[in-house]
Every structure is written in C-alpha cells, then in structure tokens.
C-alpha atoms as a PDB file:
ATOM      1  CA  MET A   1      81.018 170.928 122.299  1.00  0.00           C
ATOM      2  CA  PHE A   2      78.851 169.096 119.788  1.00  0.00           C
ATOM      3  CA  LYS A   3      81.838 167.436 117.859  1.00  0.00           C
ATOM      4  CA  LYS A   4      83.281 166.274 121.004  1.00  0.00           C
ATOM      5  CA  LEU A   5      80.143 164.556 121.867  1.00  0.00           C
ATOM      6  CA  PHE A   6      79.492 162.716 118.611  1.00  0.00           C
ATOM      7  CA  ALA A   7      82.957 161.827 118.612  1.00  0.00           C
ATOM      8  CA  GLN A   8      82.281 160.371 122.186  1.00  0.00           C
ATOM      9  CA  ILE A   9      78.971 158.225 120.357  1.00  0.00           C
ATOM     10  CA  LEU A  10      80.770 157.573 117.276  1.00  0.00           C
ATOM     11  CA  PHE A  11      84.213 156.192 118.223  1.00  0.00           C
ATOM     12  CA  PRO A  12      82.586 152.952 120.375  1.00  0.00           C
ATOM     13  CA  VAL A  13      79.923 152.232 117.313  1.00  0.00           C
ATOM     14  CA  VAL A  14      82.867 152.166 114.913  1.00  0.00           C
ATOM     15  CA  THR A  15      85.011 150.232 117.216  1.00  0.00           C
ATOM     16  CA  VAL A  16      82.316 147.473 117.602  1.00  0.00           C
ATOM     17  CA  LEU A  17      81.276 147.076 113.976  1.00  0.00           C
ATOM     18  CA  THR A  18      85.021 146.960 113.192  1.00  0.00           C
ATOM     19  CA  LEU A  19      85.370 143.883 115.614  1.00  0.00           C
ATOM     20  CA  VAL A  20      82.116 142.278 114.462  1.00  0.00           C
ATOM     21  CA  LEU A  21      83.464 142.551 110.923  1.00  0.00           C
ATOM     22  CA  ALA A  22      86.630 141.318 112.062  1.00  0.00           C
ATOM     23  CA  LEU A  23      84.979 138.011 113.124  1.00  0.00           C
ATOM     24  CA  PRO A  24      84.074 134.961 110.680  1.00  0.00           C
ATOM     25  CA  SER A  25      80.365 135.674 110.281  1.00  0.00           C
ATOM     26  CA  HIS A  26      77.795 132.730 111.941  1.00  0.00           C
ATOM     27  CA  ALA A  27      76.601 131.782 108.553  1.00  0.00           C
ATOM     28  CA  ASP A  28      79.968 130.684 107.363  1.00  0.00           C
ATOM     29  CA  THR A  29      80.715 128.818 110.450  1.00  0.00           C
ATOM     30  CA  VAL A  30      77.908 126.693 109.597  1.00  0.00           C
ATOM     31  CA  SER A  31      78.375 126.409 106.249  1.00  0.00           C
ATOM     32  CA  ASP A  32      81.961 125.138 107.242  1.00  0.00           C
ATOM     33  CA  THR A  33      80.836 122.532 109.471  1.00  0.00           C
ATOM     34  CA  GLN A  34      77.987 121.392 107.606  1.00  0.00           C
ATOM     35  CA  GLN A  35      79.565 120.560 103.988  1.00  0.00           C
ATOM     36  CA  HIS A  36      78.726 117.355 102.782  1.00  0.00           C
ATOM     37  CA  GLY A  37      78.999 114.804 100.068  1.00  0.00           C
ATOM     38  CA  LYS A  38      75.896 113.875  98.088  1.00  0.00           C
ATOM     39  CA  ILE A  39      74.775 110.723  97.060  1.00  0.00           C
ATOM     40  CA  LEU A  40      71.951 110.844  94.094  1.00  0.00           C
ATOM     41  CA  VAL A  41      69.831 107.808  93.672  1.00  0.00           C
ATOM     42  CA  LEU A  42      68.649 107.343  89.976  1.00  0.00           C
ATOM     43  CA  GLY A  43      65.627 104.352  90.606  1.00  0.00           C
ATOM     44  CA  ASP A  44      62.307 103.783  89.841  1.00  0.00           C
ATOM     45  CA  SER A  45      59.255 102.258  91.603  1.00  0.00           C
ATOM     46  CA  LEU A  46      61.742 100.350  94.102  1.00  0.00           C
ATOM     47  CA  SER A  47      62.864 103.443  95.326  1.00  0.00           C
ATOM     48  CA  SER A  48      60.529 106.090  95.199  1.00  0.00           C
ATOM     49  CA  GLY A  49      58.032 104.739  97.821  1.00  0.00           C
ATOM     50  CA  TYR A  50      55.581 103.027  95.487  1.00  0.00           C
ATOM     51  CA  ASN A  51      52.155 102.795  97.803  1.00  0.00           C
ATOM     52  CA  PHE A  52      53.613 104.416 100.798  1.00  0.00           C
ATOM     53  CA  SER A  53      55.178 107.285 101.953  1.00  0.00           C
ATOM     54  CA  PRO A  54      58.775 108.406 100.442  1.00  0.00           C
ATOM     55  CA  ASP A  55      60.081 108.854 103.584  1.00  0.00           C
ATOM     56  CA  LYS A  56      59.909 105.186 104.372  1.00  0.00           C
ATOM     57  CA  THR A  57      61.588 104.121 101.637  1.00  0.00           C
ATOM     58  CA  TRP A  58      65.667 102.494 101.587  1.00  0.00           C
ATOM     59  CA  VAL A  59      66.343 105.631 100.338  1.00  0.00           C
ATOM     60  CA  ALA A  60      65.132 107.603 103.442  1.00  0.00           C
ATOM     61  CA  LEU A  61      66.541 105.027 105.388  1.00  0.00           C
ATOM     62  CA  LEU A  62      69.637 105.335 104.201  1.00  0.00           C
ATOM     63  CA  ASP A  63      70.308 108.957 104.755  1.00  0.00           C
ATOM     64  CA  LYS A  64      69.132 108.592 108.167  1.00  0.00           C
ATOM     65  CA  LYS A  65      71.425 105.881 108.783  1.00  0.00           C
ATOM     66  CA  LEU A  66      74.242 108.045 107.163  1.00  0.00           C
ATOM     67  CA  SER A  67      73.331 110.422 110.069  1.00  0.00           C
ATOM     68  CA  GLU A  68      73.557 108.603 112.698  1.00  0.00           C
ATOM     69  CA  GLU A  69      76.582 106.614 111.923  1.00  0.00           C
ATOM     70  CA  ASN A  70      78.090 110.450 111.610  1.00  0.00           C
ATOM     71  CA  ILE A  71      78.403 110.087 107.960  1.00  0.00           C
ATOM     72  CA  ASN A  72      78.538 113.545 106.319  1.00  0.00           C
ATOM     73  CA  TYR A  73      76.421 112.923 103.511  1.00  0.00           C
ATOM     74  CA  GLN A  74      73.368 113.754 101.809  1.00  0.00           C
ATOM     75  CA  VAL A  75      71.162 111.844 100.058  1.00  0.00           C
ATOM     76  CA  ILE A  76      68.999 112.975  96.932  1.00  0.00           C
ATOM     77  CA  ASN A  77      66.302 110.640  95.983  1.00  0.00           C
ATOM     78  CA  SER A  78      65.771 110.945  92.296  1.00  0.00           C
ATOM     79  CA  SER A  79      63.644 107.799  92.047  1.00  0.00           C
ATOM     80  CA  ILE A  80      60.707 107.956  89.730  1.00  0.00           C
ATOM     81  CA  SER A  81      57.826 105.127  89.283  1.00  0.00           C
ATOM     82  CA  GLY A  82      57.796 103.399  85.728  1.00  0.00           C
ATOM     83  CA  ASP A  83      61.092 104.954  84.685  1.00  0.00           C
ATOM     84  CA  THR A  84      63.872 102.701  82.524  1.00  0.00           C
ATOM     85  CA  THR A  85      67.298 102.855  81.374  1.00  0.00           C
ATOM     86  CA  THR A  86      66.567 105.279  78.309  1.00  0.00           C
ATOM     87  CA  GLN A  87      64.517 107.594  80.484  1.00  0.00           C
ATOM     88  CA  GLY A  88      67.339 107.422  83.268  1.00  0.00           C
ATOM     89  CA  LEU A  89      69.373 108.612  80.364  1.00  0.00           C
ATOM     90  CA  GLN A  90      67.394 111.735  79.134  1.00  0.00           C
ATOM     91  CA  ARG A  91      67.238 112.843  83.067  1.00  0.00           C
ATOM     92  CA  LEU A  92      70.989 112.364  84.543  1.00  0.00           C
ATOM     93  CA  PRO A  93      72.961 114.904  82.707  1.00  0.00           C
ATOM     94  CA  LYS A  94      70.525 117.298  84.257  1.00  0.00           C
ATOM     95  CA  LEU A  95      71.403 115.755  87.728  1.00  0.00           C
ATOM     96  CA  LEU A  96      74.514 116.030  87.384  1.00  0.00           C
ATOM     97  CA  GLU A  97      74.662 119.516  86.654  1.00  0.00           C
ATOM     98  CA  VAL A  98      72.181 120.368  89.424  1.00  0.00           C
ATOM     99  CA  HIS A  99      73.512 118.138  92.331  1.00  0.00           C
ATOM    100  CA  GLN A 100      76.965 117.472  91.086  1.00  0.00           C
ATOM    101  CA  PRO A 101      76.694 114.091  93.487  1.00  0.00           C
ATOM    102  CA  ASP A 102      79.918 112.422  94.925  1.00  0.00           C
ATOM    103  CA  VAL A 103      77.947 108.927  94.124  1.00  0.00           C
ATOM    104  CA  VAL A 104      75.621 107.812  91.919  1.00  0.00           C
ATOM    105  CA  ILE A 105      73.467 104.991  92.914  1.00  0.00           C
ATOM    106  CA  ILE A 106      71.616 103.412  89.781  1.00  0.00           C
ATOM    107  CA  GLU A 107      68.626 101.143  90.365  1.00  0.00           C
ATOM    108  CA  LEU A 108      66.811 100.828  86.941  1.00  0.00           C
ATOM    109  CA  GLY A 109      66.026  98.278  84.244  1.00  0.00           C
ATOM    110  CA  GLY A 110      63.280  96.302  85.647  1.00  0.00           C
ATOM    111  CA  ASN A 111      60.819  98.602  83.825  1.00  0.00           C
ATOM    112  CA  ASP A 112      62.612  97.785  80.746  1.00  0.00           C
ATOM    113  CA  GLY A 113      62.440  93.906  81.523  1.00  0.00           C
ATOM    114  CA  ILE A 114      59.026  93.805  82.013  1.00  0.00           C
ATOM    115  CA  ARG A 115      58.418  94.928  79.334  1.00  0.00           C
ATOM    116  CA  GLY A 116      61.018  92.997  77.429  1.00  0.00           C
ATOM    117  CA  PHE A 117      63.289  95.121  75.958  1.00  0.00           C
ATOM    118  CA  PRO A 118      66.394  93.431  74.489  1.00  0.00           C
ATOM    119  CA  PRO A 119      68.887  92.802  76.955  1.00  0.00           C
ATOM    120  CA  LYS A 120      71.523  94.162  74.641  1.00  0.00           C
ATOM    121  CA  THR A 121      69.768  97.661  74.212  1.00  0.00           C
ATOM    122  CA  ILE A 122      69.276  97.432  78.407  1.00  0.00           C
ATOM    123  CA  LYS A 123      73.161  96.485  78.935  1.00  0.00           C
ATOM    124  CA  SER A 124      73.847  99.430  76.386  1.00  0.00           C
ATOM    125  CA  ASN A 125      72.240 102.290  78.646  1.00  0.00           C
ATOM    126  CA  LEU A 126      73.235 100.827  82.033  1.00  0.00           C
ATOM    127  CA  ASP A 127      76.713 101.423  80.802  1.00  0.00           C
ATOM    128  CA  LYS A 128      75.982 104.598  79.385  1.00  0.00           C
ATOM    129  CA  LEU A 129      74.483 105.708  82.587  1.00  0.00           C
ATOM    130  CA  VAL A 130      77.808 104.211  84.515  1.00  0.00           C
ATOM    131  CA  LYS A 131      80.064 105.915  82.104  1.00  0.00           C
ATOM    132  CA  MET A 132      78.494 109.376  82.398  1.00  0.00           C
ATOM    133  CA  SER A 133      78.274 109.259  86.217  1.00  0.00           C
ATOM    134  CA  LYS A 134      81.803 108.484  86.480  1.00  0.00           C
ATOM    135  CA  GLN A 135      82.849 111.249  83.993  1.00  0.00           C
ATOM    136  CA  SER A 136      81.267 113.664  86.529  1.00  0.00           C
ATOM    137  CA  ASN A 137      84.242 112.315  89.277  1.00  0.00           C
ATOM    138  CA  ALA A 138      81.378 110.264  90.871  1.00  0.00           C
ATOM    139  CA  GLU A 139      81.999 106.506  92.436  1.00  0.00           C
ATOM    140  CA  VAL A 140      79.186 104.425  91.278  1.00  0.00           C
ATOM    141  CA  LEU A 141      76.979 101.678  92.881  1.00  0.00           C
ATOM    142  CA  LEU A 142      74.625  99.672  90.673  1.00  0.00           C
ATOM    143  CA  LEU A 143      72.080  97.916  92.116  1.00  0.00           C
ATOM    144  CA  GLY A 144      71.493  94.783  90.059  1.00  0.00           C
ATOM    145  CA  ILE A 145      67.737  93.080  89.417  1.00  0.00           C
ATOM    146  CA  ARG A 146      66.127  89.678  88.701  1.00  0.00           C
ATOM    147  CA  ILE A 147      62.990  89.428  86.848  1.00  0.00           C
ATOM    148  CA  PHE A 148      60.205  86.810  86.424  1.00  0.00           C
ATOM    149  CA  PRO A 149      60.766  84.314  83.362  1.00  0.00           C
ATOM    150  CA  ASN A 150      57.784  85.793  81.672  1.00  0.00           C
ATOM    151  CA  TYR A 151      59.929  85.863  78.217  1.00  0.00           C
ATOM    152  CA  GLY A 152      62.005  82.805  79.201  1.00  0.00           C
ATOM    153  CA  GLU A 153      64.676  81.467  81.332  1.00  0.00           C
ATOM    154  CA  ARG A 154      67.269  82.486  78.513  1.00  0.00           C
ATOM    155  CA  TYR A 155      66.085  86.330  78.810  1.00  0.00           C
ATOM    156  CA  ALA A 156      65.643  86.237  82.353  1.00  0.00           C
ATOM    157  CA  ASP A 157      69.264  85.351  82.734  1.00  0.00           C
ATOM    158  CA  ALA A 158      70.797  87.701  80.045  1.00  0.00           C
ATOM    159  CA  PHE A 159      68.988  90.630  81.437  1.00  0.00           C
ATOM    160  CA  PHE A 160      70.247  89.411  85.382  1.00  0.00           C
ATOM    161  CA  ASN A 161      73.902  89.062  83.794  1.00  0.00           C
ATOM    162  CA  ASN A 162      73.804  92.471  82.227  1.00  0.00           C
ATOM    163  CA  TYR A 163      74.699  94.258  85.725  1.00  0.00           C
ATOM    164  CA  GLN A 164      77.471  92.233  86.737  1.00  0.00           C
ATOM    165  CA  LYS A 165      79.235  92.472  83.133  1.00  0.00           C
ATOM    166  CA  VAL A 166      78.436  96.398  83.131  1.00  0.00           C
ATOM    167  CA  ALA A 167      79.920  96.422  86.573  1.00  0.00           C
ATOM    168  CA  ASP A 168      82.935  94.585  85.794  1.00  0.00           C
ATOM    169  CA  SER A 169      83.955  96.320  82.813  1.00  0.00           C
ATOM    170  CA  ASN A 170      83.481  99.407  84.574  1.00  0.00           C
ATOM    171  CA  GLU A 171      85.072  98.903  87.708  1.00  0.00           C
ATOM    172  CA  VAL A 172      82.192  99.981  89.713  1.00  0.00           C
ATOM    173  CA  ALA A 173      80.354  98.251  93.195  1.00  0.00           C
ATOM    174  CA  LEU A 174      77.311  96.118  92.339  1.00  0.00           C
ATOM    175  CA  VAL A 175      74.819  94.674  94.683  1.00  0.00           C
ATOM    176  CA  PRO A 176      74.358  91.551  92.987  1.00  0.00           C
ATOM    177  CA  PHE A 177      70.562  91.357  93.522  1.00  0.00           C
ATOM    178  CA  PHE A 178      68.783  94.044  95.334  1.00  0.00           C
ATOM    179  CA  LEU A 179      65.870  92.173  96.311  1.00  0.00           C
ATOM    180  CA  GLU A 180      68.079  89.461  98.257  1.00  0.00           C
ATOM    181  CA  ASN A 181      65.851  88.005 100.716  1.00  0.00           C
ATOM    182  CA  VAL A 182      62.690  90.180  99.738  1.00  0.00           C
ATOM    183  CA  GLY A 183      61.440  88.548  96.356  1.00  0.00           C
ATOM    184  CA  GLY A 184      59.257  86.095  96.313  1.00  0.00           C
ATOM    185  CA  LYS A 185      58.432  86.868 100.269  1.00  0.00           C
ATOM    186  CA  ASP A 186      54.426  87.769 100.760  1.00  0.00           C
ATOM    187  CA  ASP A 187      55.045  89.664 104.152  1.00  0.00           C
ATOM    188  CA  LEU A 188      57.378  91.709 101.980  1.00  0.00           C
ATOM    189  CA  MET A 189      56.020  92.284  98.773  1.00  0.00           C
ATOM    190  CA  GLN A 190      53.104  94.074  97.898  1.00  0.00           C
ATOM    191  CA  LYS A 191      49.921  92.263  96.377  1.00  0.00           C
ATOM    192  CA  ASP A 192      51.006  92.756  92.612  1.00  0.00           C
ATOM    193  CA  GLY A 193      54.322  90.459  93.506  1.00  0.00           C
ATOM    194  CA  ILE A 194      56.718  92.872  91.940  1.00  0.00           C
ATOM    195  CA  HIS A 195      57.147  96.099  94.559  1.00  0.00           C
ATOM    196  CA  PRO A 196      58.443  95.451  98.086  1.00  0.00           C
ATOM    197  CA  ASN A 197      56.197  96.982 100.785  1.00  0.00           C
ATOM    198  CA  GLU A 198      57.311  98.933 103.383  1.00  0.00           C
ATOM    199  CA  LYS A 199      58.212  96.590 105.742  1.00  0.00           C
ATOM    200  CA  ALA A 200      60.780  95.350 103.376  1.00  0.00           C
ATOM    201  CA  GLN A 201      62.324  98.580 103.450  1.00  0.00           C
ATOM    202  CA  PRO A 202      65.119  98.154 106.095  1.00  0.00           C
ATOM    203  CA  THR A 203      65.929  94.631 104.462  1.00  0.00           C
ATOM    204  CA  LEU A 204      66.865  96.524 101.207  1.00  0.00           C
ATOM    205  CA  LEU A 205      69.151  98.666 103.057  1.00  0.00           C
ATOM    206  CA  ASP A 206      70.687  96.191 104.667  1.00  0.00           C
ATOM    207  CA  ASN A 207      71.081  94.602 101.196  1.00  0.00           C
ATOM    208  CA  VAL A 208      72.660  98.243 100.162  1.00  0.00           C
ATOM    209  CA  TRP A 209      74.742  98.984 103.237  1.00  0.00           C
ATOM    210  CA  PRO A 210      77.797  97.269 102.718  1.00  0.00           C
ATOM    211  CA  LYS A 211      78.550  98.620  99.120  1.00  0.00           C
ATOM    212  CA  VAL A 212      77.514 102.168 100.422  1.00  0.00           C
ATOM    213  CA  GLN A 213      80.188 102.083 103.086  1.00  0.00           C
ATOM    214  CA  GLU A 214      82.874 100.158 100.583  1.00  0.00           C
ATOM    215  CA  VAL A 215      82.237 103.167  97.780  1.00  0.00           C
ATOM    216  CA  LEU A 216      82.236 105.895 100.732  1.00  0.00           C
ATOM    217  CA  LYS A 217      85.599 103.870 102.017  1.00  0.00           C
ATOM    218  CA  THR A 218      83.849 103.999 105.889  1.00  0.00           C
ATOM    219  CA  GLU A 219      84.310 100.332 106.568  1.00  0.00           C
END
C-alpha cells in the first residue's frame, strides 16, 4: 500500500519535472531576445562628461537614441579625460579583448594637439588605433578634431588633416569635425573655450549620428 501511494505521488512530480526541463528556460529566452551588438567609444574629455554628469554626454544620448530607434546595440563609453592617442593605444587591446565590440568610435587626438605633439606621431597613433580595431573585426568611425592655432596655422592644419588621411588610407568612416556647430559658440562651450557644455551634447550627437547609421548600415 505504501509503494502504491508513493508511486501515485512520485509520478506526477516526475512528469511535471520532465516537462519543465524540456521547455526552454526563461533565462535562455531573454538572452536570445536581448542579444545585441556593441559600440565602444574610445575618447577623452570631449566624450567622458567633463564637468557634468556622464549620463548627459553625447555618448549616453547615442545609447538612448539607438534604443528609441529599436537598433539593438549597447554603447560602452571608455573615454577618460586627458587621454592622448598614446594612452588610447595602451588601453585599446584590453578593451577589445573584454568587450569584443562590433564598432569602435575613436575620439582622440585633442590632448596631443594641445600639448604640441608632432603631427606625424599623432597620425601614426591614430593609424594604429584604427588598424588594431579593424583587426579585431570591428567597424571603425573616426571623429576629427580641430585645434586652436597656438602653434601656428601650419601645425593646426597638419593636425586636422591627419584624420582625413588616416580615414582614407584605412577606408573607414569619418566625421571631419566632431565639434561642428559647437566650437566657438559661447553658449555651447564651457568657460575654458575647449570643452563643450551639457547643452552642446545633442548637437554633438547630431554630428555623429549620420555616420553611426552608415557604419551600422541602418539608413
């Protein structure tokens, strides 16, 4: 009698357990539907949120816009205030290994120019950053920067032209001047005249967005 009772209890439990194991788990289902690409932003203070909250940066706004447009990409902001192209080269290998991004947006060089580093060195570093990113099978978007002619017009022109040359030689997308419609406008710049303020961030996103669409092939 005990064996019969035990069998009556055990059979329904085993049956239910078998059915549960046979069904796809909720975690697996969520994982499948939430799979996304990754966009890594490698930048400096122009992208890190200098003197204002990081969740107000153009990078954060990009992440929000992608979500609003139902474009399934996660944006990883690896921008550090003060970083040069040399420091970017030191950080990028680990970032590529950890995040395995589908797209790398490179916004570096401004601090090199402010410090008067040789344009050839800056160009070489930008080229290495692009090549390293491409070798990891990521698409690349390069953001060009202009600097004040503190070291003369010749230096400023050579610095600015680096971005087009690197983009052309590596066949990657380029925003020629990242601070278009922002640089030089007092209401959009901080008191130092170098860093865009919080109000400028939507315009910076507007400058970048068409090229992001191009890289992601979502136009």
